[in-house]
Amino acid sequence: MRRGGRLYESATRRGFTSYFLTFPTGSARLKLMSLPGLAGRADVPAVGYVHLAVSVGSESAVEALTAQMRADGIRVRSEPRQTGDGYFEAVVEDPDGNSVEITA
């Protein structure tokens, strides 16, 4: 993976490890997280990932998109909020029940 993108940051805390990869254009970033002990848990999706995150650029954009998605009948799992790792985000559910983070 280091050949495909530049390793941006690595952090270990709360028992999980995060890796951020940026790509040559600088317009996209991929975050990979690992948390030992999740495999086989009934409350964790088994599709190979836990969620997808999309950055919309600002806190007001997160709030506006969350409101629009709610109005369109999309389930909001988590209201817009500041997270412990420094992101402002909301979490919605896609049609297959997967979590999608909307971040700033």
PDB file of N, CA and C in Angstrom:
ATOM      1  N   MET A   1       0.819  -1.192   0.000  1.00  0.00           N
ATOM      2  CA  MET A   1       0.000   0.000   0.000  1.00  0.00           C
ATOM      3  C   MET A   1       0.862   1.255   0.000  1.00  0.00           C
ATOM      4  N   ARG A   2       2.048   1.176   0.500  1.00  0.00           N
ATOM      5  CA  ARG A   2       2.905   2.356   0.500  1.00  0.00           C
ATOM      6  C   ARG A   2       3.287   2.771  -0.914  1.00  0.00           C
ATOM      7  N   ARG A   3       3.309   1.820  -1.858  1.00  0.00           N
ATOM      8  CA  ARG A   3       3.612   2.176  -3.237  1.00  0.00           C
ATOM      9  C   ARG A   3       2.466   2.955  -3.860  1.00  0.00           C
ATOM     10  N   GLY A   4       1.225   2.638  -3.482  1.00  0.00           N
ATOM     11  CA  GLY A   4       0.059   3.290  -4.063  1.00  0.00           C
ATOM     12  C   GLY A   4      -0.227   4.652  -3.480  1.00  0.00           C
ATOM     13  N   GLY A   5       0.278   4.957  -2.350  1.00  0.00           N
ATOM     14  CA  GLY A   5       0.012   6.227  -1.703  1.00  0.00           C
ATOM     15  C   GLY A   5       1.053   6.483  -0.642  1.00  0.00           C
ATOM     16  N   ARG A   6       1.064   7.673  -0.124  1.00  0.00           N
ATOM     17  CA  ARG A   6       2.047   8.062   0.879  1.00  0.00           C
ATOM     18  C   ARG A   6       1.456   7.835   2.267  1.00  0.00           C
ATOM     19  N   LEU A   7       2.212   7.177   3.137  1.00  0.00           N
ATOM     20  CA  LEU A   7       1.764   6.987   4.508  1.00  0.00           C
ATOM     21  C   LEU A   7       1.706   8.347   5.179  1.00  0.00           C
ATOM     22  N   TYR A   8       0.542   8.738   5.632  1.00  0.00           N
ATOM     23  CA  TYR A   8       0.330  10.082   6.166  1.00  0.00           C
ATOM     24  C   TYR A   8       0.508  10.124   7.669  1.00  0.00           C
ATOM     25  N   GLU A   9      -0.076   9.181   8.369  1.00  0.00           N
ATOM     26  CA  GLU A   9      -0.062   9.225   9.830  1.00  0.00           C
ATOM     27  C   GLU A   9      -0.336   7.827  10.360  1.00  0.00           C
ATOM     28  N   SER A  10       0.250   7.504  11.465  1.00  0.00           N
ATOM     29  CA  SER A  10      -0.036   6.238  12.120  1.00  0.00           C
ATOM     30  C   SER A  10      -0.213   6.525  13.598  1.00  0.00           C
ATOM     31  N   ALA A  11      -1.264   6.018  14.160  1.00  0.00           N
ATOM     32  CA  ALA A  11      -1.515   6.256  15.580  1.00  0.00           C
ATOM     33  C   ALA A  11      -2.111   5.002  16.199  1.00  0.00           C
ATOM     34  N   THR A  12      -1.724   4.716  17.420  1.00  0.00           N
ATOM     35  CA  THR A  12      -2.320   3.621  18.167  1.00  0.00           C
ATOM     36  C   THR A  12      -2.887   4.199  19.452  1.00  0.00           C
ATOM     37  N   ARG A  13      -4.176   3.998  19.662  1.00  0.00           N
ATOM     38  CA  ARG A  13      -4.814   4.439  20.893  1.00  0.00           C
ATOM     39  C   ARG A  13      -6.119   3.683  21.075  1.00  0.00           C
ATOM     40  N   ARG A  14      -6.566   3.603  22.280  1.00  0.00           N
ATOM     41  CA  ARG A  14      -7.797   2.894  22.623  1.00  0.00           C
ATOM     42  C   ARG A  14      -7.841   1.480  22.045  1.00  0.00           C
ATOM     43  N   GLY A  15      -6.666   0.875  21.863  1.00  0.00           N
ATOM     44  CA  GLY A  15      -6.626  -0.495  21.392  1.00  0.00           C
ATOM     45  C   GLY A  15      -6.707  -0.675  19.892  1.00  0.00           C
ATOM     46  N   PHE A  16      -6.853   0.414  19.128  1.00  0.00           N
ATOM     47  CA  PHE A  16      -6.885   0.267  17.682  1.00  0.00           C
ATOM     48  C   PHE A  16      -5.743   1.036  17.039  1.00  0.00           C
ATOM     49  N   THR A  17      -5.437   0.663  15.813  1.00  0.00           N
ATOM     50  CA  THR A  17      -4.391   1.329  15.050  1.00  0.00           C
ATOM     51  C   THR A  17      -5.023   1.953  13.816  1.00  0.00           C
ATOM     52  N   SER A  18      -4.659   3.196  13.512  1.00  0.00           N
ATOM     53  CA  SER A  18      -5.154   3.892  12.324  1.00  0.00           C
ATOM     54  C   SER A  18      -3.998   4.228  11.405  1.00  0.00           C
ATOM     55  N   TYR A  19      -4.221   4.061  10.124  1.00  0.00           N
ATOM     56  CA  TYR A  19      -3.260   4.464   9.101  1.00  0.00           C
ATOM     57  C   TYR A  19      -3.989   5.341   8.100  1.00  0.00           C
ATOM     58  N   PHE A  20      -3.402   6.483   7.770  1.00  0.00           N
ATOM     59  CA  PHE A  20      -3.968   7.385   6.773  1.00  0.00           C
ATOM     60  C   PHE A  20      -3.059   7.372   5.553  1.00  0.00           C
ATOM     61  N   LEU A  21      -3.631   7.165   4.400  1.00  0.00           N
ATOM     62  CA  LEU A  21      -2.882   7.188   3.147  1.00  0.00           C
ATOM     63  C   LEU A  21      -3.405   8.338   2.298  1.00  0.00           C
ATOM     64  N   THR A  22      -2.496   9.112   1.719  1.00  0.00           N
ATOM     65  CA  THR A  22      -2.909  10.129   0.753  1.00  0.00           C
ATOM     66  C   THR A  22      -2.430   9.683  -0.618  1.00  0.00           C
ATOM     67  N   PHE A  23      -3.050  10.213  -1.633  1.00  0.00           N
ATOM     68  CA  PHE A  23      -2.748   9.824  -2.999  1.00  0.00           C
ATOM     69  C   PHE A  23      -2.068  10.975  -3.727  1.00  0.00           C
ATOM     70  N   PRO A  24      -1.397  10.702  -4.851  1.00  0.00           N
ATOM     71  CA  PRO A  24      -0.578  11.720  -5.518  1.00  0.00           C
ATOM     72  C   PRO A  24      -1.272  13.055  -5.773  1.00  0.00           C
ATOM     73  N   THR A  25      -2.551  13.058  -6.067  1.00  0.00           N
ATOM     74  CA  THR A  25      -3.246  14.322  -6.334  1.00  0.00           C
ATOM     75  C   THR A  25      -3.508  15.107  -5.061  1.00  0.00           C
ATOM     76  N   GLY A  26      -3.472  14.427  -3.922  1.00  0.00           N
ATOM     77  CA  GLY A  26      -3.741  15.092  -2.650  1.00  0.00           C
ATOM     78  C   GLY A  26      -5.214  15.349  -2.399  1.00  0.00           C
ATOM     79  N   SER A  27      -6.079  14.902  -3.300  1.00  0.00           N
ATOM     80  CA  SER A  27      -7.504  15.193  -3.168  1.00  0.00           C
ATOM     81  C   SER A  27      -8.280  14.101  -2.444  1.00  0.00           C
ATOM     82  N   ALA A  28      -7.630  13.011  -2.097  1.00  0.00           N
ATOM     83  CA  ALA A  28      -8.313  11.922  -1.406  1.00  0.00           C
ATOM     84  C   ALA A  28      -7.400  11.353  -0.334  1.00  0.00           C
ATOM     85  N   ARG A  29      -8.025  10.860   0.723  1.00  0.00           N
ATOM     86  CA  ARG A  29      -7.286  10.237   1.811  1.00  0.00           C
ATOM     87  C   ARG A  29      -8.037   8.984   2.223  1.00  0.00           C
ATOM     88  N   LEU A  30      -7.311   7.926   2.486  1.00  0.00           N
ATOM     89  CA  LEU A  30      -7.890   6.657   2.891  1.00  0.00           C
ATOM     90  C   LEU A  30      -7.431   6.349   4.307  1.00  0.00           C
ATOM     91  N   LYS A  31      -8.395   6.038   5.183  1.00  0.00           N
ATOM     92  CA  LYS A  31      -8.077   5.695   6.564  1.00  0.00           C
ATOM     93  C   LYS A  31      -8.370   4.215   6.760  1.00  0.00           C
ATOM     94  N   LEU A  32      -7.370   3.484   7.204  1.00  0.00           N
ATOM     95  CA  LEU A  32      -7.521   2.073   7.529  1.00  0.00           C
ATOM     96  C   LEU A  32      -7.366   1.921   9.033  1.00  0.00           C
ATOM     97  N   MET A  33      -8.290   1.190   9.646  1.00  0.00           N
ATOM     98  CA  MET A  33      -8.235   0.984  11.087  1.00  0.00           C
ATOM     99  C   MET A  33      -8.255  -0.509  11.379  1.00  0.00           C
ATOM    100  N   SER A  34      -7.559  -0.884  12.422  1.00  0.00           N
ATOM    101  CA  SER A  34      -7.533  -2.269  12.862  1.00  0.00           C
ATOM    102  C   SER A  34      -7.811  -2.302  14.358  1.00  0.00           C
ATOM    103  N   LEU A  35      -8.731  -3.163  14.754  1.00  0.00           N
ATOM    104  CA  LEU A  35      -9.045  -3.340  16.167  1.00  0.00           C
ATOM    105  C   LEU A  35      -9.141  -4.836  16.441  1.00  0.00           C
ATOM    106  N   PRO A  36      -8.108  -5.400  17.041  1.00  0.00           N
ATOM    107  CA  PRO A  36      -8.138  -6.834  17.343  1.00  0.00           C
ATOM    108  C   PRO A  36      -9.364  -7.188  18.185  1.00  0.00           C
ATOM    109  N   GLY A  37      -9.930  -8.346  17.925  1.00  0.00           N
ATOM    110  CA  GLY A  37     -11.059  -8.813  18.712  1.00  0.00           C
ATOM    111  C   GLY A  37     -12.417  -8.543  18.094  1.00  0.00           C
ATOM    112  N   LEU A  38     -12.486  -7.852  16.956  1.00  0.00           N
ATOM    113  CA  LEU A  38     -13.781  -7.586  16.333  1.00  0.00           C
ATOM    114  C   LEU A  38     -14.318  -8.776  15.548  1.00  0.00           C
ATOM    115  N   ALA A  39     -13.435  -9.575  14.991  1.00  0.00           N
ATOM    116  CA  ALA A  39     -13.860 -10.704  14.162  1.00  0.00           C
ATOM    117  C   ALA A  39     -14.786 -11.625  14.945  1.00  0.00           C
ATOM    118  N   GLY A  40     -15.904 -11.951  14.331  1.00  0.00           N
ATOM    119  CA  GLY A  40     -16.838 -12.884  14.937  1.00  0.00           C
ATOM    120  C   GLY A  40     -17.867 -12.272  15.869  1.00  0.00           C
ATOM    121  N   ARG A  41     -17.771 -10.962  16.142  1.00  0.00           N
ATOM    122  CA  ARG A  41     -18.766 -10.327  17.015  1.00  0.00           C
ATOM    123  C   ARG A  41     -20.065 -10.110  16.249  1.00  0.00           C
ATOM    124  N   ALA A  42     -21.188 -10.398  16.884  1.00  0.00           N
ATOM    125  CA  ALA A  42     -22.491 -10.275  16.236  1.00  0.00           C
ATOM    126  C   ALA A  42     -22.865  -8.829  15.928  1.00  0.00           C
ATOM    127  N   ASP A  43     -22.337  -7.867  16.687  1.00  0.00           N
ATOM    128  CA  ASP A  43     -22.707  -6.465  16.495  1.00  0.00           C
ATOM    129  C   ASP A  43     -21.818  -5.743  15.487  1.00  0.00           C
ATOM    130  N   VAL A  44     -20.909  -6.452  14.832  1.00  0.00           N
ATOM    131  CA  VAL A  44     -19.994  -5.854  13.856  1.00  0.00           C
ATOM    132  C   VAL A  44     -20.272  -6.462  12.489  1.00  0.00           C
ATOM    133  N   PRO A  45     -20.521  -5.623  11.470  1.00  0.00           N
ATOM    134  CA  PRO A  45     -20.775  -6.161  10.130  1.00  0.00           C
ATOM    135  C   PRO A  45     -19.621  -7.045   9.660  1.00  0.00           C
ATOM    136  N   ALA A  46     -19.946  -8.069   8.909  1.00  0.00           N
ATOM    137  CA  ALA A  46     -18.926  -9.004   8.440  1.00  0.00           C
ATOM    138  C   ALA A  46     -18.641  -8.836   6.951  1.00  0.00           C
ATOM    139  N   VAL A  47     -18.897  -7.651   6.395  1.00  0.00           N
ATOM    140  CA  VAL A  47     -18.714  -7.436   4.960  1.00  0.00           C
ATOM    141  C   VAL A  47     -17.304  -7.010   4.605  1.00  0.00           C
ATOM    142  N   GLY A  48     -16.412  -6.934   5.572  1.00  0.00           N
ATOM    143  CA  GLY A  48     -15.035  -6.582   5.291  1.00  0.00           C
ATOM    144  C   GLY A  48     -14.669  -5.160   5.646  1.00  0.00           C
ATOM    145  N   TYR A  49     -15.630  -4.360   6.004  1.00  0.00           N
ATOM    146  CA  TYR A  49     -15.352  -3.017   6.482  1.00  0.00           C
ATOM    147  C   TYR A  49     -16.448  -2.615   7.454  1.00  0.00           C
ATOM    148  N   VAL A  50     -16.185  -1.608   8.259  1.00  0.00           N
ATOM    149  CA  VAL A  50     -17.168  -1.175   9.244  1.00  0.00           C
ATOM    150  C   VAL A  50     -17.941   0.038   8.744  1.00  0.00           C
ATOM    151  N   HIS A  51     -17.253   0.985   8.119  1.00  0.00           N
ATOM    152  CA  HIS A  51     -17.951   2.148   7.580  1.00  0.00           C
ATOM    153  C   HIS A  51     -17.115   2.847   6.518  1.00  0.00           C
ATOM    154  N   LEU A  52     -17.771   3.738   5.790  1.00  0.00           N
ATOM    155  CA  LEU A  52     -17.149   4.588   4.792  1.00  0.00           C
ATOM    156  C   LEU A  52     -17.292   6.016   5.287  1.00  0.00           C
ATOM    157  N   ALA A  53     -16.289   6.846   5.086  1.00  0.00           N
ATOM    158  CA  ALA A  53     -16.368   8.251   5.493  1.00  0.00           C
ATOM    159  C   ALA A  53     -16.142   9.144   4.279  1.00  0.00           C
ATOM    160  N   VAL A  54     -16.934  10.217   4.195  1.00  0.00           N
ATOM    161  CA  VAL A  54     -16.834  11.176   3.105  1.00  0.00           C
ATOM    162  C   VAL A  54     -16.718  12.565   3.711  1.00  0.00           C
ATOM    163  N   SER A  55     -15.697  13.308   3.309  1.00  0.00           N
ATOM    164  CA  SER A  55     -15.526  14.675   3.802  1.00  0.00           C
ATOM    165  C   SER A  55     -16.273  15.637   2.893  1.00  0.00           C
ATOM    166  N   VAL A  56     -17.065  16.514   3.508  1.00  0.00           N
ATOM    167  CA  VAL A  56     -17.822  17.507   2.738  1.00  0.00           C
ATOM    168  C   VAL A  56     -17.286  18.918   2.946  1.00  0.00           C
ATOM    169  N   GLY A  57     -16.204  19.072   3.713  1.00  0.00           N
ATOM    170  CA  GLY A  57     -15.480  20.333   3.769  1.00  0.00           C
ATOM    171  C   GLY A  57     -15.693  21.241   4.954  1.00  0.00           C
ATOM    172  N   SER A  58     -16.877  21.253   5.548  1.00  0.00           N
ATOM    173  CA  SER A  58     -17.107  22.175   6.663  1.00  0.00           C
ATOM    174  C   SER A  58     -18.169  21.617   7.604  1.00  0.00           C
ATOM    175  N   GLU A  59     -18.178  22.143   8.828  1.00  0.00           N
ATOM    176  CA  GLU A  59     -19.183  21.711   9.800  1.00  0.00           C
ATOM    177  C   GLU A  59     -20.586  22.056   9.323  1.00  0.00           C
ATOM    178  N   SER A  60     -20.754  23.240   8.732  1.00  0.00           N
ATOM    179  CA  SER A  60     -22.085  23.628   8.248  1.00  0.00           C
ATOM    180  C   SER A  60     -22.541  22.711   7.112  1.00  0.00           C
ATOM    181  N   ALA A  61     -21.611  22.240   6.283  1.00  0.00           N
ATOM    182  CA  ALA A  61     -21.971  21.308   5.214  1.00  0.00           C
ATOM    183  C   ALA A  61     -22.386  19.957   5.791  1.00  0.00           C
ATOM    184  N   VAL A  62     -21.714  19.505   6.857  1.00  0.00           N
ATOM    185  CA  VAL A  62     -22.104  18.258   7.530  1.00  0.00           C
ATOM    186  C   VAL A  62     -23.526  18.400   8.065  1.00  0.00           C
ATOM    187  N   GLU A  63     -23.806  19.508   8.740  1.00  0.00           N
ATOM    188  CA  GLU A  63     -25.135  19.733   9.312  1.00  0.00           C
ATOM    189  C   GLU A  63     -26.208  19.803   8.227  1.00  0.00           C
ATOM    190  N   ALA A  64     -25.923  20.524   7.134  1.00  0.00           N
ATOM    191  CA  ALA A  64     -26.903  20.676   6.056  1.00  0.00           C
ATOM    192  C   ALA A  64     -27.176  19.345   5.356  1.00  0.00           C
ATOM    193  N   LEU A  65     -26.132  18.592   5.051  1.00  0.00           N
ATOM    194  CA  LEU A  65     -26.320  17.313   4.369  1.00  0.00           C
ATOM    195  C   LEU A  65     -27.040  16.318   5.267  1.00  0.00           C
ATOM    196  N   THR A  66     -26.729  16.323   6.551  1.00  0.00           N
ATOM    197  CA  THR A  66     -27.420  15.435   7.491  1.00  0.00           C
ATOM    198  C   THR A  66     -28.908  15.762   7.531  1.00  0.00           C
ATOM    199  N   ALA A  67     -29.238  17.046   7.593  1.00  0.00           N
ATOM    200  CA  ALA A  67     -30.647  17.468   7.607  1.00  0.00           C
ATOM    201  C   ALA A  67     -31.349  17.057   6.314  1.00  0.00           C
ATOM    202  N   GLN A  68     -30.682  17.235   5.175  1.00  0.00           N
ATOM    203  CA  GLN A  68     -31.275  16.861   3.889  1.00  0.00           C
ATOM    204  C   GLN A  68     -31.492  15.356   3.795  1.00  0.00           C
ATOM    205  N   MET A  69     -30.522  14.595   4.263  1.00  0.00           N
ATOM    206  CA  MET A  69     -30.658  13.137   4.218  1.00  0.00           C
ATOM    207  C   MET A  69     -31.792  12.666   5.120  1.00  0.00           C
ATOM    208  N   ARG A  70     -31.915  13.274   6.294  1.00  0.00           N
ATOM    209  CA  ARG A  70     -33.021  12.933   7.198  1.00  0.00           C
ATOM    210  C   ARG A  70     -34.354  13.233   6.512  1.00  0.00           C
ATOM    211  N   ALA A  71     -34.458  14.407   5.876  1.00  0.00           N
ATOM    212  CA  ALA A  71     -35.684  14.798   5.176  1.00  0.00           C
ATOM    213  C   ALA A  71     -36.005  13.830   4.033  1.00  0.00           C
ATOM    214  N   ASP A  72     -34.976  13.237   3.445  1.00  0.00           N
ATOM    215  CA  ASP A  72     -35.155  12.268   2.361  1.00  0.00           C
ATOM    216  C   ASP A  72     -35.445  10.858   2.871  1.00  0.00           C
ATOM    217  N   GLY A  73     -35.563  10.707   4.193  1.00  0.00           N
ATOM    218  CA  GLY A  73     -35.913   9.420   4.770  1.00  0.00           C
ATOM    219  C   GLY A  73     -34.744   8.513   5.094  1.00  0.00           C
ATOM    220  N   ILE A  74     -33.538   9.053   5.037  1.00  0.00           N
ATOM    221  CA  ILE A  74     -32.357   8.258   5.371  1.00  0.00           C
ATOM    222  C   ILE A  74     -32.169   8.254   6.884  1.00  0.00           C
ATOM    223  N   ARG A  75     -31.897   7.091   7.447  1.00  0.00           N
ATOM    224  CA  ARG A  75     -31.719   6.970   8.900  1.00  0.00           C
ATOM    225  C   ARG A  75     -30.417   7.639   9.335  1.00  0.00           C
ATOM    226  N   VAL A  76     -30.522   8.519  10.332  1.00  0.00           N
ATOM    227  CA  VAL A  76     -29.350   9.170  10.920  1.00  0.00           C
ATOM    228  C   VAL A  76     -29.003   8.392  12.184  1.00  0.00           C
ATOM    229  N   ARG A  77     -27.838   7.766  12.192  1.00  0.00           N
ATOM    230  CA  ARG A  77     -27.401   6.977  13.354  1.00  0.00           C
ATOM    231  C   ARG A  77     -26.784   7.851  14.434  1.00  0.00           C
ATOM    232  N   SER A  78     -26.098   8.912  14.019  1.00  0.00           N
ATOM    233  CA  SER A  78     -25.415   9.792  14.970  1.00  0.00           C
ATOM    234  C   SER A  78     -25.515  11.225  14.469  1.00  0.00           C
ATOM    235  N   GLU A  79     -26.033  12.100  15.304  1.00  0.00           N
ATOM    236  CA  GLU A  79     -26.170  13.513  14.949  1.00  0.00           C
ATOM    237  C   GLU A  79     -24.797  14.161  14.779  1.00  0.00           C
ATOM    238  N   PRO A  80     -24.726  15.274  14.046  1.00  0.00           N
ATOM    239  CA  PRO A  80     -23.447  15.977  13.899  1.00  0.00           C
ATOM    240  C   PRO A  80     -22.833  16.287  15.266  1.00  0.00           C
ATOM    241  N   ARG A  81     -21.527  16.000  15.384  1.00  0.00           N
ATOM    242  CA  ARG A  81     -20.842  16.184  16.664  1.00  0.00           C
ATOM    243  C   ARG A  81     -19.335  16.232  16.440  1.00  0.00           C
ATOM    244  N   GLN A  82     -18.623  16.738  17.426  1.00  0.00           N
ATOM    245  CA  GLN A  82     -17.159  16.717  17.425  1.00  0.00           C
ATOM    246  C   GLN A  82     -16.731  15.390  18.020  1.00  0.00           C
ATOM    247  N   THR A  83     -15.820  14.685  17.359  1.00  0.00           N
ATOM    248  CA  THR A  83     -15.370  13.388  17.849  1.00  0.00           C
ATOM    249  C   THR A  83     -14.088  13.535  18.656  1.00  0.00           C
ATOM    250  N   GLY A  84     -13.745  12.491  19.377  1.00  0.00           N
ATOM    251  CA  GLY A  84     -12.531  12.501  20.184  1.00  0.00           C
ATOM    252  C   GLY A  84     -11.255  12.565  19.372  1.00  0.00           C
ATOM    253  N   ASP A  85     -11.327  12.168  18.094  1.00  0.00           N
ATOM    254  CA  ASP A  85     -10.124  12.221  17.257  1.00  0.00           C
ATOM    255  C   ASP A  85     -10.071  13.463  16.371  1.00  0.00           C
ATOM    256  N   GLY A  86     -10.890  14.480  16.713  1.00  0.00           N
ATOM    257  CA  GLY A  86     -10.775  15.776  16.059  1.00  0.00           C
ATOM    258  C   GLY A  86     -11.643  16.017  14.842  1.00  0.00           C
ATOM    259  N   TYR A  87     -12.486  15.079  14.486  1.00  0.00           N
ATOM    260  CA  TYR A  87     -13.368  15.275  13.339  1.00  0.00           C
ATOM    261  C   TYR A  87     -14.714  15.815  13.789  1.00  0.00           C
ATOM    262  N   PHE A  88     -15.392  16.536  12.904  1.00  0.00           N
ATOM    263  CA  PHE A  88     -16.793  16.890  13.089  1.00  0.00           C
ATOM    264  C   PHE A  88     -17.533  15.982  12.131  1.00  0.00           C
ATOM    265  N   GLU A  89     -18.470  15.191  12.656  1.00  0.00           N
ATOM    266  CA  GLU A  89     -19.101  14.185  11.802  1.00  0.00           C
ATOM    267  C   GLU A  89     -20.522  13.868  12.217  1.00  0.00           C
ATOM    268  N   ALA A  90     -21.247  13.295  11.273  1.00  0.00           N
ATOM    269  CA  ALA A  90     -22.534  12.661  11.504  1.00  0.00           C
ATOM    270  C   ALA A  90     -22.426  11.284  10.865  1.00  0.00           C
ATOM    271  N   VAL A  91     -23.268  10.354  11.295  1.00  0.00           N
ATOM    272  CA  VAL A  91     -23.257   9.015  10.713  1.00  0.00           C
ATOM    273  C   VAL A  91     -24.669   8.698  10.238  1.00  0.00           C
ATOM    274  N   VAL A  92     -24.774   8.314   8.962  1.00  0.00           N
ATOM    275  CA  VAL A  92     -26.048   7.910   8.379  1.00  0.00           C
ATOM    276  C   VAL A  92     -25.936   6.454   7.945  1.00  0.00           C
ATOM    277  N   GLU A  93     -27.074   5.884   7.550  1.00  0.00           N
ATOM    278  CA  GLU A  93     -27.104   4.478   7.150  1.00  0.00           C
ATOM    279  C   GLU A  93     -27.420   4.383   5.664  1.00  0.00           C
ATOM    280  N   ASP A  94     -26.631   3.603   4.923  1.00  0.00           N
ATOM    281  CA  ASP A  94     -26.924   3.425   3.498  1.00  0.00           C
ATOM    282  C   ASP A  94     -28.044   2.391   3.342  1.00  0.00           C
ATOM    283  N   PRO A  95     -28.568   2.196   2.129  1.00  0.00           N
ATOM    284  CA  PRO A  95     -29.691   1.265   1.939  1.00  0.00           C
ATOM    285  C   PRO A  95     -29.412  -0.171   2.376  1.00  0.00           C
ATOM    286  N   ASP A  96     -28.132  -0.562   2.443  1.00  0.00           N
ATOM    287  CA  ASP A  96     -27.787  -1.915   2.882  1.00  0.00           C
ATOM    288  C   ASP A  96     -27.520  -2.009   4.375  1.00  0.00           C
ATOM    289  N   GLY A  97     -27.700  -0.898   5.102  1.00  0.00           N
ATOM    290  CA  GLY A  97     -27.492  -0.897   6.541  1.00  0.00           C
ATOM    291  C   GLY A  97     -26.081  -0.589   6.983  1.00  0.00           C
ATOM    292  N   ASN A  98     -25.198  -0.213   6.049  1.00  0.00           N
ATOM    293  CA  ASN A  98     -23.818   0.142   6.393  1.00  0.00           C
ATOM    294  C   ASN A  98     -23.744   1.582   6.882  1.00  0.00           C
ATOM    295  N   SER A  99     -22.823   1.851   7.788  1.00  0.00           N
ATOM    296  CA  SER A  99     -22.610   3.210   8.286  1.00  0.00           C
ATOM    297  C   SER A  99     -21.804   4.023   7.285  1.00  0.00           C
ATOM    298  N   VAL A 100     -22.215   5.280   7.092  1.00  0.00           N
ATOM    299  CA  VAL A 100     -21.481   6.231   6.265  1.00  0.00           C
ATOM    300  C   VAL A 100     -21.265   7.480   7.110  1.00  0.00           C
ATOM    301  N   GLU A 101     -20.003   7.835   7.357  1.00  0.00           N
ATOM    302  CA  GLU A 101     -19.680   9.054   8.103  1.00  0.00           C
ATOM    303  C   GLU A 101     -19.628  10.225   7.132  1.00  0.00           C
ATOM    304  N   ILE A 102     -20.245  11.316   7.535  1.00  0.00           N
ATOM    305  CA  ILE A 102     -20.143  12.573   6.799  1.00  0.00           C
ATOM    306  C   ILE A 102     -19.259  13.453   7.669  1.00  0.00           C
ATOM    307  N   THR A 103     -18.079  13.823   7.181  1.00  0.00           N
ATOM    308  CA  THR A 103     -17.102  14.521   8.013  1.00  0.00           C
ATOM    309  C   THR A 103     -16.722  15.882   7.453  1.00  0.00           C
ATOM    310  N   ALA A 104     -16.161  16.705   8.357  1.00  0.00           N
ATOM    311  CA  ALA A 104     -15.606  18.005   7.950  1.00  0.00           C
ATOM    312  C   ALA A 104     -14.123  17.993   8.227  1.00  0.00           C
TER     313      ALA A 104
END
